[in-house]
């Protein structure tokens, strides 16, 4: 999601949360907050796992599915998608 948001905004340095806050037009409220919370949850439960604490399969599956849907949504809002009709630029 962060990579797609960076591609859309052209800002290659900000985090996903920063990109959403700075570019409110790419995701309507309150979905922007949902994405920020989802990203925080995945960071806490997935990227920075505590030793011995493994995420449940159902949670992982939910996050992967949501991430795929949100990434597709963001990519389709991209000017490049609107020009070419594809999301191959990613």
N, C-alpha and C. Protein backbone atom coordinates (compact mmCIF):
# COMPACT_ATOMS: atom_id res chain seq x y z
N UNK A 1 0.82 -1.18 0.00
CA UNK A 1 0.00 0.00 0.00
C UNK A 1 0.87 1.25 0.00
N UNK A 2 1.92 1.21 0.79
CA UNK A 2 2.79 2.38 0.88
C UNK A 2 3.45 2.66 -0.46
N UNK A 3 3.89 1.61 -1.14
CA UNK A 3 4.55 1.80 -2.45
C UNK A 3 3.58 2.37 -3.47
N UNK A 4 2.35 1.89 -3.46
CA UNK A 4 1.36 2.41 -4.40
C UNK A 4 1.05 3.87 -4.08
N UNK A 5 0.87 4.18 -2.80
CA UNK A 5 0.61 5.57 -2.40
C UNK A 5 1.77 6.48 -2.78
N UNK A 6 2.98 5.97 -2.66
CA UNK A 6 4.15 6.76 -3.06
C UNK A 6 4.15 7.01 -4.56
N UNK A 7 3.77 5.99 -5.32
CA UNK A 7 3.71 6.12 -6.77
C UNK A 7 2.67 7.16 -7.18
N UNK A 8 1.53 7.14 -6.53
CA UNK A 8 0.45 8.07 -6.86
C UNK A 8 0.83 9.51 -6.52
N UNK A 9 1.41 9.70 -5.34
CA UNK A 9 1.72 11.06 -4.87
C UNK A 9 3.04 11.59 -5.40
N UNK A 10 3.93 10.69 -5.79
CA UNK A 10 5.24 11.12 -6.25
C UNK A 10 6.22 11.36 -5.12
N UNK A 11 5.78 11.18 -3.89
CA UNK A 11 6.64 11.38 -2.72
C UNK A 11 7.22 10.03 -2.30
N UNK A 12 8.51 9.88 -2.45
CA UNK A 12 9.15 8.59 -2.22
C UNK A 12 9.69 8.39 -0.81
N UNK A 13 9.50 9.38 0.07
CA UNK A 13 10.13 9.29 1.39
C UNK A 13 9.16 9.13 2.56
N UNK A 14 7.92 9.58 2.39
CA UNK A 14 6.98 9.54 3.51
C UNK A 14 6.45 8.14 3.77
N UNK A 15 6.03 7.90 4.99
CA UNK A 15 5.40 6.62 5.34
C UNK A 15 3.96 6.63 4.84
N UNK A 16 3.30 5.49 4.89
CA UNK A 16 1.93 5.41 4.43
C UNK A 16 1.03 6.37 5.21
N UNK A 17 1.15 6.38 6.51
CA UNK A 17 0.34 7.28 7.33
C UNK A 17 0.56 8.74 6.96
N UNK A 18 1.80 9.11 6.75
CA UNK A 18 2.13 10.50 6.37
C UNK A 18 1.56 10.83 4.99
N UNK A 19 1.66 9.87 4.06
CA UNK A 19 1.13 10.09 2.72
C UNK A 19 -0.37 10.29 2.73
N UNK A 20 -1.07 9.49 3.52
CA UNK A 20 -2.53 9.61 3.61
C UNK A 20 -2.91 10.95 4.23
N UNK A 21 -2.22 11.34 5.30
CA UNK A 21 -2.53 12.61 5.97
C UNK A 21 -2.25 13.81 5.06
N UNK A 22 -1.18 13.73 4.31
CA UNK A 22 -0.78 14.85 3.44
C UNK A 22 -1.62 14.93 2.17
N UNK A 23 -2.18 13.80 1.75
CA UNK A 23 -2.93 13.71 0.49
C UNK A 23 -4.31 13.14 0.74
N UNK A 24 -5.12 13.87 1.47
CA UNK A 24 -6.45 13.39 1.88
C UNK A 24 -7.35 13.02 0.71
N UNK A 25 -7.06 13.50 -0.47
CA UNK A 25 -7.93 13.22 -1.60
C UNK A 25 -7.79 11.79 -2.15
N UNK A 26 -6.73 11.08 -1.79
CA UNK A 26 -6.57 9.74 -2.36
C UNK A 26 -7.43 8.69 -1.67
N UNK A 27 -7.82 8.93 -0.43
CA UNK A 27 -8.69 7.99 0.28
C UNK A 27 -9.71 8.80 1.08
N UNK A 28 -10.99 8.58 0.84
CA UNK A 28 -11.99 9.35 1.57
C UNK A 28 -12.06 8.96 3.05
N UNK A 29 -12.39 9.95 3.88
CA UNK A 29 -12.60 9.69 5.30
C UNK A 29 -13.91 8.92 5.45
N UNK A 30 -14.05 8.03 6.35
CA UNK A 30 -13.13 7.62 7.40
C UNK A 30 -12.22 6.46 7.00
N UNK A 31 -12.22 6.13 5.70
CA UNK A 31 -11.37 5.02 5.25
C UNK A 31 -9.89 5.31 5.46
N UNK A 32 -9.50 6.59 5.42
CA UNK A 32 -8.12 6.95 5.68
C UNK A 32 -7.69 6.48 7.07
N UNK A 33 -8.58 6.64 8.04
CA UNK A 33 -8.28 6.21 9.40
C UNK A 33 -8.21 4.69 9.49
N UNK A 34 -9.08 4.02 8.76
CA UNK A 34 -9.06 2.55 8.73
C UNK A 34 -7.71 2.06 8.22
N UNK A 35 -7.22 2.67 7.16
CA UNK A 35 -5.93 2.26 6.58
C UNK A 35 -4.80 2.53 7.56
N UNK A 36 -4.82 3.67 8.21
CA UNK A 36 -3.78 3.98 9.20
C UNK A 36 -3.79 2.96 10.33
N UNK A 37 -4.96 2.61 10.82
CA UNK A 37 -5.08 1.65 11.92
C UNK A 37 -4.66 0.26 11.47
N UNK A 38 -5.05 -0.11 10.26
CA UNK A 38 -4.68 -1.42 9.73
C UNK A 38 -3.16 -1.52 9.58
N UNK A 39 -2.56 -0.44 9.08
CA UNK A 39 -1.11 -0.41 8.90
C UNK A 39 -0.40 -0.54 10.25
N UNK A 40 -0.92 0.17 11.25
CA UNK A 40 -0.34 0.07 12.59
C UNK A 40 -0.46 -1.33 13.17
N UNK A 41 -1.61 -1.95 12.97
CA UNK A 41 -1.82 -3.31 13.46
C UNK A 41 -0.86 -4.28 12.77
N UNK A 42 -0.75 -4.16 11.46
CA UNK A 42 0.14 -5.08 10.73
C UNK A 42 1.59 -4.86 11.12
N UNK A 43 1.95 -3.63 11.40
CA UNK A 43 3.31 -3.34 11.83
C UNK A 43 3.60 -3.99 13.18
N UNK A 44 2.68 -3.81 14.10
CA UNK A 44 2.84 -4.37 15.44
C UNK A 44 2.80 -5.90 15.44
N UNK A 45 1.88 -6.46 14.67
CA UNK A 45 1.66 -7.91 14.69
C UNK A 45 2.47 -8.68 13.65
N UNK A 46 2.99 -7.99 12.65
CA UNK A 46 3.66 -8.71 11.57
C UNK A 46 5.10 -8.33 11.35
N UNK A 47 5.35 -7.05 11.21
CA UNK A 47 6.71 -6.63 10.87
C UNK A 47 7.62 -6.59 12.08
N UNK A 48 7.08 -6.29 13.24
CA UNK A 48 7.89 -6.18 14.45
C UNK A 48 7.43 -7.20 15.48
N UNK A 49 7.39 -8.45 15.05
CA UNK A 49 6.91 -9.51 15.93
C UNK A 49 7.74 -9.61 17.19
N UNK A 50 7.05 -9.80 18.28
CA UNK A 50 7.73 -10.08 19.53
C UNK A 50 8.02 -11.57 19.57
N UNK A 51 9.12 -11.92 20.17
CA UNK A 51 9.51 -13.32 20.24
C UNK A 51 8.39 -14.16 20.86
N UNK A 52 8.05 -15.25 20.19
CA UNK A 52 7.03 -16.15 20.70
C UNK A 52 5.61 -15.71 20.44
N UNK A 53 5.42 -14.57 19.82
CA UNK A 53 4.07 -14.08 19.55
C UNK A 53 3.82 -14.13 18.04
N UNK A 54 3.04 -15.11 17.64
CA UNK A 54 2.78 -15.32 16.23
C UNK A 54 1.35 -14.89 15.90
N UNK A 55 1.15 -14.14 14.81
CA UNK A 55 -0.21 -13.71 14.47
C UNK A 55 -1.07 -14.89 14.03
N UNK A 56 -2.34 -14.80 14.28
CA UNK A 56 -3.27 -15.85 13.87
C UNK A 56 -3.41 -15.83 12.35
N UNK A 57 -3.59 -17.00 11.77
CA UNK A 57 -3.74 -17.12 10.32
C UNK A 57 -4.87 -16.24 9.82
N UNK A 58 -5.99 -16.23 10.53
CA UNK A 58 -7.15 -15.46 10.11
C UNK A 58 -6.84 -13.96 10.02
N UNK A 59 -6.07 -13.46 10.97
CA UNK A 59 -5.68 -12.05 10.95
C UNK A 59 -4.76 -11.74 9.80
N UNK A 60 -3.82 -12.64 9.55
CA UNK A 60 -2.89 -12.46 8.43
C UNK A 60 -3.66 -12.47 7.12
N UNK A 61 -4.55 -13.42 6.97
CA UNK A 61 -5.35 -13.52 5.75
C UNK A 61 -6.20 -12.26 5.54
N UNK A 62 -6.80 -11.76 6.60
CA UNK A 62 -7.60 -10.54 6.53
C UNK A 62 -6.73 -9.36 6.07
N UNK A 63 -5.57 -9.19 6.69
CA UNK A 63 -4.69 -8.07 6.33
C UNK A 63 -4.19 -8.16 4.89
N UNK A 64 -3.86 -9.36 4.45
CA UNK A 64 -3.38 -9.52 3.07
C UNK A 64 -4.51 -9.19 2.09
N UNK A 65 -5.71 -9.67 2.37
CA UNK A 65 -6.84 -9.38 1.50
C UNK A 65 -7.17 -7.90 1.46
N UNK A 66 -7.21 -7.26 2.62
CA UNK A 66 -7.47 -5.82 2.67
C UNK A 66 -6.37 -5.04 1.96
N UNK A 67 -5.14 -5.43 2.18
CA UNK A 67 -4.01 -4.74 1.53
C UNK A 67 -4.09 -4.84 0.01
N UNK A 68 -4.44 -6.01 -0.49
CA UNK A 68 -4.57 -6.19 -1.94
C UNK A 68 -5.69 -5.32 -2.49
N UNK A 69 -6.82 -5.29 -1.81
CA UNK A 69 -7.95 -4.46 -2.27
C UNK A 69 -7.62 -2.98 -2.23
N UNK A 70 -7.00 -2.54 -1.15
CA UNK A 70 -6.65 -1.12 -1.02
C UNK A 70 -5.59 -0.73 -2.03
N UNK A 71 -4.61 -1.59 -2.25
CA UNK A 71 -3.56 -1.29 -3.24
C UNK A 71 -4.15 -1.18 -4.63
N UNK A 72 -5.08 -2.05 -4.97
CA UNK A 72 -5.75 -1.98 -6.27
C UNK A 72 -6.55 -0.69 -6.39
N UNK A 73 -7.28 -0.36 -5.33
CA UNK A 73 -8.06 0.88 -5.30
C UNK A 73 -7.15 2.09 -5.54
N UNK A 74 -6.05 2.15 -4.80
CA UNK A 74 -5.12 3.27 -4.94
C UNK A 74 -4.51 3.32 -6.34
N UNK A 75 -4.13 2.17 -6.85
CA UNK A 75 -3.52 2.13 -8.18
C UNK A 75 -4.48 2.62 -9.25
N UNK A 76 -5.74 2.27 -9.12
CA UNK A 76 -6.73 2.69 -10.11
C UNK A 76 -7.01 4.19 -10.04
N UNK A 77 -6.69 4.82 -8.93
CA UNK A 77 -6.85 6.27 -8.80
C UNK A 77 -5.66 7.02 -9.38
N UNK A 78 -4.63 6.29 -9.72
CA UNK A 78 -3.40 6.90 -10.24
C UNK A 78 -3.62 7.48 -11.64
N UNK A 79 -3.00 8.63 -11.90
CA UNK A 79 -3.07 9.19 -13.26
C UNK A 79 -2.51 8.22 -14.30
N UNK A 80 -1.51 7.43 -13.94
CA UNK A 80 -0.94 6.47 -14.89
C UNK A 80 -1.97 5.41 -15.27
N UNK A 81 -2.76 4.96 -14.31
CA UNK A 81 -3.81 3.99 -14.61
C UNK A 81 -4.85 4.61 -15.53
N UNK A 82 -5.21 5.84 -15.24
CA UNK A 82 -6.23 6.51 -16.04
C UNK A 82 -5.76 6.72 -17.49
N UNK A 83 -4.45 6.87 -17.67
CA UNK A 83 -3.89 7.02 -19.02
C UNK A 83 -3.83 5.70 -19.77
N UNK A 84 -3.36 4.66 -19.07
CA UNK A 84 -3.06 3.40 -19.73
C UNK A 84 -4.13 2.31 -19.53
N UNK A 85 -4.91 2.42 -18.46
CA UNK A 85 -5.90 1.39 -18.17
C UNK A 85 -5.31 0.15 -17.52
N UNK A 86 -4.03 0.24 -17.14
CA UNK A 86 -3.38 -0.90 -16.48
C UNK A 86 -2.68 -0.42 -15.20
N UNK A 87 -2.34 -1.38 -14.36
CA UNK A 87 -1.58 -1.06 -13.17
C UNK A 87 -0.20 -1.69 -13.25
N UNK A 88 0.27 -1.91 -14.46
CA UNK A 88 1.57 -2.54 -14.67
C UNK A 88 2.75 -1.68 -14.25
N UNK A 89 2.52 -0.39 -14.00
CA UNK A 89 3.61 0.50 -13.63
C UNK A 89 4.19 0.18 -12.27
N UNK A 90 3.49 -0.61 -11.48
CA UNK A 90 3.98 -0.94 -10.15
C UNK A 90 5.02 -1.99 -10.27
